């Protein structure tokens, strides 16, 4: 499947495996970020990150 020609529901189906993998094991505290990068109205890159936070012990 050519991501450069996708939009709407088709784009969601294209990135769904990556989304499911990322959200399969969320951090206990923190955040998950998923980004689809576009160029000239076409998706060209997918990025994701995990930010894990820990409480400082006093």
C-alpha atoms as a PDB file:
ATOM      1  CA  UNK A   1       0.000   0.000   0.000  1.00  0.00           C
ATOM      2  CA  UNK A   2       1.397   3.401  -0.982  1.00  0.00           C
ATOM      3  CA  UNK A   3       0.990   5.784   1.980  1.00  0.00           C
ATOM      4  CA  UNK A   4       1.560   8.821  -0.258  1.00  0.00           C
ATOM      5  CA  UNK A   5      -1.859   8.266  -1.847  1.00  0.00           C
ATOM      6  CA  UNK A   6      -3.881   7.690   1.337  1.00  0.00           C
ATOM      7  CA  UNK A   7      -6.288   9.917   3.229  1.00  0.00           C
ATOM      8  CA  UNK A   8      -9.045   9.592   5.818  1.00  0.00           C
ATOM      9  CA  UNK A   9      -9.999   6.057   6.838  1.00  0.00           C
ATOM     10  CA  UNK A  10      -7.423   4.527   4.463  1.00  0.00           C
ATOM     11  CA  UNK A  11      -4.635   6.474   6.180  1.00  0.00           C
ATOM     12  CA  UNK A  12      -5.883   5.326   9.580  1.00  0.00           C
ATOM     13  CA  UNK A  13      -5.823   1.695   8.420  1.00  0.00           C
ATOM     14  CA  UNK A  14      -2.277   2.192   7.106  1.00  0.00           C
ATOM     15  CA  UNK A  15      -0.937   3.487  10.453  1.00  0.00           C
ATOM     16  CA  UNK A  16      -3.105   1.222  12.629  1.00  0.00           C
ATOM     17  CA  UNK A  17      -0.450  -1.528  13.121  1.00  0.00           C
ATOM     18  CA  UNK A  18       2.055   1.073  14.373  1.00  0.00           C
ATOM     19  CA  UNK A  19      -0.557   2.640  16.652  1.00  0.00           C
ATOM     20  CA  UNK A  20      -1.505  -0.709  18.150  1.00  0.00           C
ATOM     21  CA  UNK A  21       2.157  -1.620  18.732  1.00  0.00           C
ATOM     22  CA  UNK A  22       2.830   1.721  20.419  1.00  0.00           C
ATOM     23  CA  UNK A  23      -0.231   1.588  22.661  1.00  0.00           C
ATOM     24  CA  UNK A  24       0.128  -2.106  23.545  1.00  0.00           C
ATOM     25  CA  UNK A  25       2.377  -1.333  26.510  1.00  0.00           C
ATOM     26  CA  UNK A  26       1.747   2.223  27.726  1.00  0.00           C
ATOM     27  CA  UNK A  27       3.975   3.579  30.497  1.00  0.00           C
ATOM     28  CA  UNK A  28       2.529   3.585  34.038  1.00  0.00           C
ATOM     29  CA  UNK A  29       3.217   7.330  34.187  1.00  0.00           C
ATOM     30  CA  UNK A  30       4.060   9.360  31.122  1.00  0.00           C
ATOM     31  CA  UNK A  31       2.786   9.836  27.619  1.00  0.00           C
ATOM     32  CA  UNK A  32       2.787   8.344  24.137  1.00  0.00           C
ATOM     33  CA  UNK A  33       2.965  10.529  21.059  1.00  0.00           C
ATOM     34  CA  UNK A  34       2.173   9.446  17.514  1.00  0.00           C
ATOM     35  CA  UNK A  35       2.741  11.821  14.612  1.00  0.00           C
ATOM     36  CA  UNK A  36       2.112  11.553  10.898  1.00  0.00           C
ATOM     37  CA  UNK A  37       4.322  13.982   8.969  1.00  0.00           C
ATOM     38  CA  UNK A  38       2.946  15.422   5.729  1.00  0.00           C
ATOM     39  CA  UNK A  39       4.589  17.115   2.758  1.00  0.00           C
ATOM     40  CA  UNK A  40       2.456  18.648   0.002  1.00  0.00           C
ATOM     41  CA  UNK A  41      -0.675  17.107   1.556  1.00  0.00           C
ATOM     42  CA  UNK A  42       0.790  13.586   1.468  1.00  0.00           C
ATOM     43  CA  UNK A  43       1.879  11.475   4.450  1.00  0.00           C
ATOM     44  CA  UNK A  44       5.617  10.911   4.181  1.00  0.00           C
ATOM     45  CA  UNK A  45       6.781   9.792   7.623  1.00  0.00           C
ATOM     46  CA  UNK A  46       5.451   8.363  10.874  1.00  0.00           C
ATOM     47  CA  UNK A  47       7.010   9.263  14.194  1.00  0.00           C
ATOM     48  CA  UNK A  48       6.312   8.136  17.713  1.00  0.00           C
ATOM     49  CA  UNK A  49       7.826   8.568  21.126  1.00  0.00           C
ATOM     50  CA  UNK A  50       7.371   7.391  24.691  1.00  0.00           C
ATOM     51  CA  UNK A  51       7.911   9.795  27.574  1.00  0.00           C
ATOM     52  CA  UNK A  52       8.315   7.958  30.866  1.00  0.00           C
ATOM     53  CA  UNK A  53       8.051   9.996  34.043  1.00  0.00           C
ATOM     54  CA  UNK A  54       8.997   9.032  37.568  1.00  0.00           C
ATOM     55  CA  UNK A  55       8.124  10.719  40.819  1.00  0.00           C
ATOM     56  CA  UNK A  56      11.056  12.029  42.806  1.00  0.00           C
ATOM     57  CA  UNK A  57      11.376  10.245  46.146  1.00  0.00           C
ATOM     58  CA  UNK A  58      11.782  12.527  49.143  1.00  0.00           C
END
